[in-house]
N, C-alpha and C. Protein backbone atom coordinates (compact mmCIF):
# COMPACT_ATOMS: atom_id res chain seq x y z
N MET A 1 0.85 -1.18 0.00
CA MET A 1 0.00 0.00 0.00
C MET A 1 0.89 1.23 0.00
N PRO A 2 0.69 2.15 -0.95
CA PRO A 2 1.54 3.34 -1.03
C PRO A 2 1.28 4.28 0.13
N ASP A 3 2.29 5.09 0.43
CA ASP A 3 2.11 6.11 1.48
C ASP A 3 1.07 7.12 1.03
N ASN A 4 0.37 7.67 2.00
CA ASN A 4 -0.61 8.70 1.70
C ASN A 4 0.08 9.96 1.21
N ALA A 5 -0.62 10.70 0.36
CA ALA A 5 -0.10 11.95 -0.16
C ALA A 5 -0.21 13.03 0.90
N VAL A 6 0.70 13.97 0.90
CA VAL A 6 0.57 15.14 1.76
C VAL A 6 -0.24 16.17 0.99
N LEU A 7 -1.35 16.58 1.58
CA LEU A 7 -2.25 17.52 0.91
C LEU A 7 -2.40 18.79 1.71
N SER A 8 -2.60 19.89 1.01
CA SER A 8 -2.94 21.16 1.63
C SER A 8 -4.45 21.23 1.71
N ILE A 9 -4.97 21.50 2.89
CA ILE A 9 -6.41 21.62 3.06
C ILE A 9 -6.69 22.99 3.68
N ARG A 10 -7.50 23.78 3.01
CA ARG A 10 -7.84 25.12 3.48
C ARG A 10 -9.34 25.19 3.74
N PHE A 11 -9.71 25.48 4.99
CA PHE A 11 -11.10 25.59 5.39
C PHE A 11 -11.47 27.07 5.46
N HIS A 12 -12.56 27.44 4.83
CA HIS A 12 -13.02 28.83 4.86
C HIS A 12 -14.31 28.91 5.67
N PRO A 13 -14.25 29.45 6.91
CA PRO A 13 -15.46 29.57 7.73
C PRO A 13 -16.30 30.77 7.31
N VAL A 14 -17.54 30.81 7.81
CA VAL A 14 -18.45 31.91 7.49
C VAL A 14 -17.83 33.25 7.87
N ALA A 15 -17.27 33.35 9.05
CA ALA A 15 -16.62 34.58 9.49
C ALA A 15 -15.23 34.22 9.99
N GLY A 16 -14.30 35.10 9.78
CA GLY A 16 -12.94 34.83 10.24
C GLY A 16 -12.01 34.45 9.12
N GLU A 17 -10.79 34.11 9.53
CA GLU A 17 -9.74 33.79 8.57
C GLU A 17 -9.76 32.32 8.19
N ASP A 18 -9.21 32.02 7.02
CA ASP A 18 -9.08 30.63 6.58
C ASP A 18 -8.18 29.86 7.54
N VAL A 19 -8.46 28.58 7.68
CA VAL A 19 -7.62 27.67 8.44
C VAL A 19 -6.93 26.77 7.44
N TYR A 20 -5.60 26.73 7.49
CA TYR A 20 -4.81 26.01 6.50
C TYR A 20 -3.98 24.94 7.20
N VAL A 21 -4.10 23.70 6.76
CA VAL A 21 -3.32 22.60 7.34
C VAL A 21 -2.72 21.75 6.22
N MET A 22 -1.67 21.04 6.58
CA MET A 22 -1.08 20.03 5.70
C MET A 22 -1.43 18.69 6.33
N SER A 23 -1.99 17.77 5.54
CA SER A 23 -2.44 16.50 6.10
C SER A 23 -1.96 15.32 5.26
N GLY A 24 -1.58 14.27 5.95
CA GLY A 24 -1.19 13.02 5.31
C GLY A 24 -2.21 11.93 5.57
N ASP A 25 -3.45 12.30 5.83
CA ASP A 25 -4.49 11.35 6.18
C ASP A 25 -5.16 10.68 4.98
N PHE A 26 -4.93 11.18 3.78
CA PHE A 26 -5.66 10.71 2.62
C PHE A 26 -4.72 10.28 1.50
N ALA A 27 -5.19 9.35 0.67
CA ALA A 27 -4.38 8.86 -0.45
C ALA A 27 -4.30 9.88 -1.59
N GLY A 28 -5.26 10.77 -1.67
CA GLY A 28 -5.27 11.78 -2.73
C GLY A 28 -6.38 12.78 -2.53
N GLU A 29 -6.47 13.74 -3.47
CA GLU A 29 -7.45 14.81 -3.37
C GLU A 29 -8.89 14.29 -3.37
N ALA A 30 -9.18 13.32 -4.23
CA ALA A 30 -10.55 12.81 -4.33
C ALA A 30 -10.99 12.16 -3.02
N GLU A 31 -10.12 11.38 -2.40
CA GLU A 31 -10.45 10.74 -1.13
C GLU A 31 -10.68 11.78 -0.03
N ALA A 32 -9.85 12.82 -0.01
CA ALA A 32 -10.01 13.89 0.99
C ALA A 32 -11.34 14.60 0.81
N LEU A 33 -11.67 14.96 -0.42
CA LEU A 33 -12.94 15.65 -0.68
C LEU A 33 -14.13 14.78 -0.30
N GLU A 34 -14.04 13.49 -0.58
CA GLU A 34 -15.13 12.58 -0.23
C GLU A 34 -15.32 12.51 1.29
N ALA A 35 -14.22 12.40 2.02
CA ALA A 35 -14.31 12.33 3.49
C ALA A 35 -14.85 13.63 4.08
N ILE A 36 -14.43 14.76 3.53
CA ILE A 36 -14.90 16.06 4.03
C ILE A 36 -16.39 16.23 3.71
N ALA A 37 -16.78 15.88 2.50
CA ALA A 37 -18.20 15.99 2.11
C ALA A 37 -19.06 15.09 2.98
N HIS A 38 -18.57 13.88 3.26
CA HIS A 38 -19.31 12.94 4.11
C HIS A 38 -19.50 13.52 5.51
N ALA A 39 -18.44 14.11 6.07
CA ALA A 39 -18.53 14.73 7.40
C ALA A 39 -19.50 15.90 7.39
N LEU A 40 -19.46 16.70 6.33
CA LEU A 40 -20.40 17.83 6.22
C LEU A 40 -21.83 17.35 6.13
N ASP A 41 -22.08 16.33 5.31
CA ASP A 41 -23.43 15.79 5.15
C ASP A 41 -23.99 15.24 6.46
N GLU A 42 -23.12 14.62 7.25
CA GLU A 42 -23.55 14.02 8.51
C GLU A 42 -23.51 15.01 9.68
N ARG A 43 -23.11 16.24 9.39
CA ARG A 43 -23.00 17.29 10.42
C ARG A 43 -22.14 16.84 11.59
N ARG A 44 -20.96 16.36 11.25
CA ARG A 44 -20.01 15.95 12.29
C ARG A 44 -18.66 16.58 12.00
N SER A 45 -17.78 16.50 12.96
CA SER A 45 -16.44 17.05 12.81
C SER A 45 -15.58 16.14 11.96
N LEU A 46 -14.54 16.71 11.39
CA LEU A 46 -13.56 15.95 10.61
C LEU A 46 -12.37 15.67 11.51
N VAL A 47 -11.98 14.40 11.61
CA VAL A 47 -10.85 14.01 12.45
C VAL A 47 -9.66 13.73 11.54
N LEU A 48 -8.58 14.47 11.77
CA LEU A 48 -7.33 14.29 11.02
C LEU A 48 -6.28 13.82 12.02
N THR A 49 -5.56 12.76 11.69
CA THR A 49 -4.59 12.20 12.63
C THR A 49 -3.13 12.52 12.29
N ARG A 50 -2.87 12.90 11.06
CA ARG A 50 -1.49 13.21 10.62
C ARG A 50 -1.47 14.60 10.00
N THR A 51 -1.49 15.62 10.84
CA THR A 51 -1.68 16.99 10.37
C THR A 51 -0.64 17.95 10.94
N ARG A 52 -0.19 18.85 10.09
CA ARG A 52 0.66 19.98 10.52
C ARG A 52 -0.15 21.25 10.34
N TYR A 53 -0.17 22.07 11.35
CA TYR A 53 -0.91 23.34 11.32
C TYR A 53 0.05 24.48 11.04
N GLY A 54 -0.27 25.28 10.03
CA GLY A 54 0.58 26.43 9.70
C GLY A 54 2.00 26.01 9.41
N SER A 55 2.94 26.69 10.05
CA SER A 55 4.36 26.40 9.78
C SER A 55 4.97 25.48 10.84
N GLU A 56 4.15 24.86 11.69
CA GLU A 56 4.66 23.95 12.70
C GLU A 56 5.33 22.74 12.04
N ALA A 57 6.38 22.24 12.66
CA ALA A 57 7.08 21.08 12.13
C ALA A 57 6.50 19.77 12.65
N ASP A 58 5.88 19.80 13.81
CA ASP A 58 5.33 18.59 14.43
C ASP A 58 4.06 18.13 13.73
N VAL A 59 3.88 16.82 13.66
CA VAL A 59 2.66 16.22 13.12
C VAL A 59 1.78 15.85 14.31
N ASN A 60 0.53 16.31 14.27
CA ASN A 60 -0.41 16.09 15.37
C ASN A 60 -1.76 15.66 14.84
N GLY A 61 -2.63 15.29 15.76
CA GLY A 61 -4.02 15.05 15.42
C GLY A 61 -4.79 16.35 15.52
N MET A 62 -5.91 16.43 14.79
CA MET A 62 -6.71 17.65 14.81
C MET A 62 -8.17 17.29 14.55
N VAL A 63 -9.06 17.93 15.27
CA VAL A 63 -10.49 17.78 15.03
C VAL A 63 -10.98 19.12 14.49
N VAL A 64 -11.60 19.09 13.31
CA VAL A 64 -12.09 20.31 12.68
C VAL A 64 -13.61 20.33 12.74
N ASN A 65 -14.16 21.32 13.44
CA ASN A 65 -15.61 21.50 13.51
C ASN A 65 -16.05 22.15 12.20
N LEU A 66 -16.84 21.45 11.42
CA LEU A 66 -17.24 21.93 10.09
C LEU A 66 -18.55 22.72 10.11
N ALA A 67 -19.08 23.03 11.30
CA ALA A 67 -20.39 23.66 11.42
C ALA A 67 -20.49 24.99 10.66
N ASN A 68 -19.46 25.80 10.68
CA ASN A 68 -19.51 27.12 10.05
C ASN A 68 -18.63 27.24 8.81
N VAL A 69 -18.20 26.11 8.28
CA VAL A 69 -17.34 26.11 7.09
C VAL A 69 -18.22 26.23 5.84
N VAL A 70 -17.88 27.19 4.97
CA VAL A 70 -18.65 27.37 3.73
C VAL A 70 -17.94 26.81 2.51
N SER A 71 -16.63 26.65 2.57
CA SER A 71 -15.91 26.03 1.46
C SER A 71 -14.62 25.41 1.96
N VAL A 72 -14.16 24.41 1.21
CA VAL A 72 -12.92 23.71 1.54
C VAL A 72 -12.14 23.54 0.25
N ARG A 73 -10.85 23.80 0.32
CA ARG A 73 -9.98 23.63 -0.84
C ARG A 73 -8.95 22.56 -0.52
N VAL A 74 -8.79 21.62 -1.43
CA VAL A 74 -7.82 20.53 -1.25
C VAL A 74 -6.89 20.55 -2.45
N SER A 75 -5.58 20.55 -2.19
CA SER A 75 -4.62 20.54 -3.28
C SER A 75 -3.32 19.92 -2.81
N LYS A 76 -2.46 19.62 -3.76
CA LYS A 76 -1.11 19.17 -3.41
C LYS A 76 -0.32 20.41 -3.04
N PRO A 77 0.65 20.28 -2.12
CA PRO A 77 1.39 21.45 -1.65
C PRO A 77 2.04 22.28 -2.75
N GLU A 78 2.51 21.64 -3.80
CA GLU A 78 3.18 22.40 -4.86
C GLU A 78 2.20 23.13 -5.77
N SER A 79 0.90 22.88 -5.58
CA SER A 79 -0.10 23.53 -6.44
C SER A 79 -1.23 24.16 -5.61
N VAL A 80 -0.85 24.95 -4.60
CA VAL A 80 -1.82 25.54 -3.70
C VAL A 80 -2.87 26.36 -4.45
N GLU A 81 -2.50 27.01 -5.52
CA GLU A 81 -3.45 27.84 -6.26
C GLU A 81 -4.44 27.04 -7.08
N ALA A 82 -4.15 25.76 -7.32
CA ALA A 82 -4.97 25.01 -8.25
C ALA A 82 -5.71 23.84 -7.63
N GLY A 83 -6.18 23.86 -6.45
CA GLY A 83 -6.84 22.70 -5.88
C GLY A 83 -8.30 22.58 -6.24
N GLN A 84 -8.87 21.43 -5.93
CA GLN A 84 -10.30 21.23 -6.15
C GLN A 84 -11.05 21.91 -5.02
N TYR A 85 -12.25 22.37 -5.33
CA TYR A 85 -13.09 22.99 -4.31
C TYR A 85 -14.26 22.10 -3.99
N LEU A 86 -14.70 22.18 -2.76
CA LEU A 86 -15.89 21.45 -2.32
C LEU A 86 -17.01 22.45 -2.19
């Protein structure tokens, strides 16, 4: 089984600044979008276990409350401007 891809995930809440993380929880962009959409549909939080927040070097777990998120962008780190939108 190949290693998971490192993806840039940017959450845009209704009010406030975007939240940007790097995550190794998914095999690719399509899998990440599917998991995020599923969490949104079920009105539950998204649990990420291999995540770096901002410029931190440590990999940690993170729970993202999706209640006020209006859009999510998923892309590979080298193509931050060109990711898929949910």
